[in-house]
Amino acid sequence: MYYVPDDTDKCGYYICNACGEKFLSLQTMDKIPCPYCEKEIDLEIGPDEKMEDSTDTAELQQVLEGEDVEKMDTLLSLAITGGNYEWI
């Protein structure tokens, strides 16, 4: 699968309030840090600089279980790959 490992039985479907990305995560908490927004955080800091905080911007929309995990993973990955099935 694209977002979660094969044979995943339960995962969370999240939408980020900051960047609008939709993704699946093995976590099922109400809010988590968005993996796409975290990439923008500069972890190289100088001696007089503060480390940027990672904020929980992604909200849980639904907890998926069983077949729904594979269906949603396929649906979200088709949006990214443009419907190209060759990677499957």
N, C-alpha and C. Protein backbone atom coordinates (compact mmCIF):
# COMPACT_ATOMS: atom_id res chain seq x y z
N MET A 1 0.84 -1.18 0.00
CA MET A 1 0.00 0.00 0.00
C MET A 1 0.88 1.24 0.00
N TYR A 2 0.28 2.36 -0.20
CA TYR A 2 1.02 3.60 -0.40
C TYR A 2 1.29 4.34 0.91
N TYR A 3 0.28 4.51 1.75
CA TYR A 3 0.42 5.29 2.98
C TYR A 3 0.74 4.45 4.20
N VAL A 4 0.17 3.27 4.28
CA VAL A 4 0.37 2.38 5.44
C VAL A 4 0.89 1.03 4.96
N PRO A 5 1.55 0.27 5.83
CA PRO A 5 2.07 -1.05 5.44
C PRO A 5 0.95 -2.02 5.03
N ASP A 6 1.30 -2.99 4.21
CA ASP A 6 0.34 -4.03 3.82
C ASP A 6 -0.19 -4.73 5.06
N ASP A 7 -1.40 -5.22 4.97
CA ASP A 7 -2.08 -5.95 6.05
C ASP A 7 -2.34 -5.09 7.29
N THR A 8 -2.45 -3.79 7.12
CA THR A 8 -2.82 -2.91 8.24
C THR A 8 -4.31 -3.07 8.51
N ASP A 9 -4.68 -3.33 9.75
CA ASP A 9 -6.07 -3.56 10.11
C ASP A 9 -6.79 -2.30 10.57
N LYS A 10 -6.03 -1.32 11.09
CA LYS A 10 -6.66 -0.13 11.64
C LYS A 10 -5.74 1.07 11.44
N CYS A 11 -6.32 2.17 10.98
CA CYS A 11 -5.53 3.39 10.80
C CYS A 11 -6.44 4.61 10.88
N GLY A 12 -5.84 5.78 10.92
CA GLY A 12 -6.60 7.02 10.97
C GLY A 12 -6.51 7.76 9.65
N TYR A 13 -7.62 8.35 9.24
CA TYR A 13 -7.68 9.19 8.04
C TYR A 13 -7.66 10.64 8.52
N TYR A 14 -6.63 11.39 8.10
CA TYR A 14 -6.40 12.75 8.58
C TYR A 14 -6.44 13.77 7.45
N ILE A 15 -6.84 14.99 7.80
CA ILE A 15 -6.74 16.14 6.91
C ILE A 15 -6.03 17.24 7.68
N CYS A 16 -4.99 17.82 7.07
CA CYS A 16 -4.23 18.89 7.72
C CYS A 16 -4.94 20.23 7.52
N ASN A 17 -5.11 20.97 8.60
CA ASN A 17 -5.75 22.28 8.52
C ASN A 17 -4.84 23.33 7.91
N ALA A 18 -3.52 23.13 8.00
CA ALA A 18 -2.57 24.13 7.50
C ALA A 18 -2.35 24.01 5.98
N CYS A 19 -2.07 22.79 5.51
CA CYS A 19 -1.72 22.64 4.09
C CYS A 19 -2.82 21.95 3.29
N GLY A 20 -3.80 21.34 3.94
CA GLY A 20 -4.91 20.71 3.24
C GLY A 20 -4.64 19.29 2.77
N GLU A 21 -3.48 18.73 3.06
CA GLU A 21 -3.16 17.37 2.63
C GLU A 21 -4.04 16.35 3.35
N LYS A 22 -4.39 15.29 2.62
CA LYS A 22 -5.15 14.17 3.18
C LYS A 22 -4.21 12.98 3.20
N PHE A 23 -4.19 12.26 4.31
CA PHE A 23 -3.28 11.12 4.42
C PHE A 23 -3.78 10.13 5.46
N LEU A 24 -3.20 8.94 5.42
CA LEU A 24 -3.49 7.90 6.40
C LEU A 24 -2.30 7.77 7.33
N SER A 25 -2.59 7.43 8.58
CA SER A 25 -1.54 7.24 9.57
C SER A 25 -1.91 6.05 10.45
N LEU A 26 -0.90 5.35 10.94
CA LEU A 26 -1.15 4.25 11.86
C LEU A 26 -1.67 4.75 13.19
N GLN A 27 -1.49 6.05 13.46
CA GLN A 27 -1.99 6.64 14.70
C GLN A 27 -3.48 6.91 14.57
N THR A 28 -4.17 6.95 15.70
CA THR A 28 -5.60 7.24 15.70
C THR A 28 -5.96 8.29 16.76
N MET A 29 -5.00 9.18 17.05
CA MET A 29 -5.27 10.25 18.02
C MET A 29 -6.09 11.35 17.32
N ASP A 30 -6.71 12.23 18.12
CA ASP A 30 -7.54 13.29 17.55
C ASP A 30 -6.74 14.26 16.67
N LYS A 31 -5.54 14.63 17.11
CA LYS A 31 -4.69 15.55 16.34
C LYS A 31 -3.26 15.03 16.36
N ILE A 32 -2.58 15.14 15.21
CA ILE A 32 -1.18 14.74 15.10
C ILE A 32 -0.45 15.78 14.25
N PRO A 33 0.88 15.83 14.32
CA PRO A 33 1.62 16.71 13.42
C PRO A 33 1.52 16.20 11.98
N CYS A 34 1.35 17.10 11.05
CA CYS A 34 1.26 16.75 9.63
C CYS A 34 2.66 16.41 9.10
N PRO A 35 2.84 15.26 8.47
CA PRO A 35 4.17 14.90 7.95
C PRO A 35 4.62 15.82 6.81
N TYR A 36 3.68 16.44 6.10
CA TYR A 36 4.03 17.34 5.00
C TYR A 36 4.46 18.71 5.53
N CYS A 37 3.80 19.20 6.57
CA CYS A 37 4.18 20.49 7.16
C CYS A 37 5.48 20.36 7.94
N GLU A 38 5.75 19.20 8.54
CA GLU A 38 6.98 19.00 9.30
C GLU A 38 8.21 19.06 8.42
N LYS A 39 8.06 18.73 7.14
CA LYS A 39 9.20 18.77 6.22
C LYS A 39 9.72 20.20 6.05
N GLU A 40 8.84 21.18 6.28
CA GLU A 40 9.21 22.58 6.11
C GLU A 40 9.96 23.15 7.31
N ILE A 41 9.94 22.46 8.44
CA ILE A 41 10.61 22.94 9.65
C ILE A 41 12.12 22.81 9.47
N ASP A 42 12.84 23.89 9.74
CA ASP A 42 14.30 23.89 9.62
C ASP A 42 14.89 23.41 10.94
N LEU A 43 15.48 22.21 10.92
CA LEU A 43 16.03 21.62 12.14
C LEU A 43 17.46 22.08 12.42
N GLU A 44 18.08 22.77 11.47
CA GLU A 44 19.43 23.28 11.69
C GLU A 44 19.32 24.67 12.30
N ILE A 45 19.70 24.77 13.57
CA ILE A 45 19.60 26.04 14.27
C ILE A 45 20.97 26.47 14.76
N GLY A 46 21.10 27.76 14.94
CA GLY A 46 22.33 28.31 15.47
C GLY A 46 22.26 28.41 16.98
N PRO A 47 23.33 28.89 17.60
CA PRO A 47 23.37 28.96 19.06
C PRO A 47 22.36 29.95 19.66
N ASP A 48 21.95 30.97 18.90
CA ASP A 48 21.03 31.98 19.42
C ASP A 48 19.61 31.79 18.91
N GLU A 49 19.33 30.70 18.20
CA GLU A 49 18.01 30.49 17.62
C GLU A 49 17.24 29.44 18.42
N LYS A 50 15.93 29.55 18.36
CA LYS A 50 15.06 28.57 19.01
C LYS A 50 14.62 27.53 17.98
N MET A 51 14.41 26.33 18.46
CA MET A 51 13.89 25.26 17.61
C MET A 51 12.41 25.52 17.34
N GLU A 52 12.00 25.40 16.07
CA GLU A 52 10.59 25.60 15.73
C GLU A 52 9.76 24.47 16.34
N ASP A 53 8.59 24.82 16.83
CA ASP A 53 7.70 23.81 17.40
C ASP A 53 6.93 23.10 16.31
N SER A 54 6.77 21.83 16.49
CA SER A 54 5.93 21.05 15.59
C SER A 54 4.53 21.06 16.19
N THR A 55 3.57 21.61 15.47
CA THR A 55 2.21 21.72 16.01
C THR A 55 1.33 20.63 15.40
N ASP A 56 0.35 20.24 16.14
CA ASP A 56 -0.59 19.22 15.69
C ASP A 56 -1.64 19.89 14.81
N THR A 57 -1.43 19.85 13.49
CA THR A 57 -2.32 20.53 12.56
C THR A 57 -3.25 19.57 11.83
N ALA A 58 -2.98 18.28 11.90
CA ALA A 58 -3.82 17.30 11.19
C ALA A 58 -4.87 16.75 12.14
N GLU A 59 -6.12 16.82 11.71
CA GLU A 59 -7.23 16.34 12.53
C GLU A 59 -7.76 15.02 12.02
N LEU A 60 -8.07 14.13 12.95
CA LEU A 60 -8.64 12.83 12.61
C LEU A 60 -10.04 13.02 12.05
N GLN A 61 -10.28 12.47 10.87
CA GLN A 61 -11.60 12.53 10.25
C GLN A 61 -12.39 11.25 10.50
N GLN A 62 -11.64 10.12 10.44
CA GLN A 62 -12.32 8.84 10.58
C GLN A 62 -11.29 7.77 10.94
N VAL A 63 -11.69 6.81 11.75
CA VAL A 63 -10.86 5.64 12.03
C VAL A 63 -11.32 4.55 11.06
N LEU A 64 -10.38 4.05 10.25
CA LEU A 64 -10.70 3.04 9.25
C LEU A 64 -10.26 1.67 9.76
N GLU A 65 -11.07 0.66 9.47
CA GLU A 65 -10.74 -0.70 9.89
C GLU A 65 -11.04 -1.68 8.77
N GLY A 66 -10.29 -2.78 8.75
CA GLY A 66 -10.53 -3.87 7.80
C GLY A 66 -10.32 -3.47 6.35
N GLU A 67 -11.29 -3.80 5.49
CA GLU A 67 -11.20 -3.52 4.06
C GLU A 67 -11.17 -2.03 3.76
N ASP A 68 -11.76 -1.23 4.62
CA ASP A 68 -11.79 0.22 4.39
C ASP A 68 -10.39 0.83 4.34
N VAL A 69 -9.43 0.22 5.06
CA VAL A 69 -8.06 0.72 5.07
C VAL A 69 -7.48 0.62 3.66
N GLU A 70 -7.59 -0.54 3.04
CA GLU A 70 -7.04 -0.75 1.70
C GLU A 70 -7.77 0.11 0.66
N LYS A 71 -9.09 0.22 0.78
CA LYS A 71 -9.86 1.03 -0.17
C LYS A 71 -9.45 2.50 -0.11
N MET A 72 -9.34 3.06 1.10
CA MET A 72 -8.99 4.47 1.23
C MET A 72 -7.54 4.70 0.81
N ASP A 73 -6.65 3.77 1.12
CA ASP A 73 -5.25 3.89 0.71
C ASP A 73 -5.16 3.94 -0.82
N THR A 74 -5.90 3.07 -1.49
CA THR A 74 -5.91 3.05 -2.95
C THR A 74 -6.49 4.34 -3.50
N LEU A 75 -7.57 4.80 -2.92
CA LEU A 75 -8.22 6.02 -3.39
C LEU A 75 -7.31 7.23 -3.24
N LEU A 76 -6.67 7.39 -2.09
CA LEU A 76 -5.78 8.54 -1.87
C LEU A 76 -4.54 8.45 -2.75
N SER A 77 -4.02 7.25 -2.95
CA SER A 77 -2.82 7.11 -3.77
C SER A 77 -3.11 7.36 -5.24
N LEU A 78 -4.31 7.06 -5.71
CA LEU A 78 -4.67 7.36 -7.10
C LEU A 78 -4.69 8.86 -7.34
N ALA A 79 -5.06 9.63 -6.33
CA ALA A 79 -5.05 11.08 -6.47
C ALA A 79 -3.63 11.59 -6.67
N ILE A 80 -2.64 10.94 -6.03
CA ILE A 80 -1.25 11.36 -6.14
C ILE A 80 -0.62 10.87 -7.44
N THR A 81 -0.90 9.61 -7.81
CA THR A 81 -0.27 9.03 -9.00
C THR A 81 -1.00 9.39 -10.28
N GLY A 82 -2.14 10.05 -10.17
CA GLY A 82 -2.89 10.44 -11.35
C GLY A 82 -3.59 9.28 -12.03
N GLY A 83 -3.89 8.21 -11.29
CA GLY A 83 -4.59 7.08 -11.85
C GLY A 83 -3.69 6.08 -12.53
N ASN A 84 -2.39 6.20 -12.36
CA ASN A 84 -1.43 5.28 -12.96
C ASN A 84 -1.36 4.01 -12.09
N TYR A 85 -1.85 2.89 -12.61
CA TYR A 85 -1.88 1.64 -11.87
C TYR A 85 -0.57 0.87 -11.97
N GLU A 86 0.39 1.31 -12.76
CA GLU A 86 1.61 0.55 -12.98
C GLU A 86 2.43 0.36 -11.72
N TRP A 87 2.33 1.26 -10.76
CA TRP A 87 3.13 1.15 -9.52
C TRP A 87 2.59 0.08 -8.59
N ILE A 88 1.33 -0.37 -8.82
CA ILE A 88 0.71 -1.36 -7.92
C ILE A 88 1.34 -2.73 -8.17
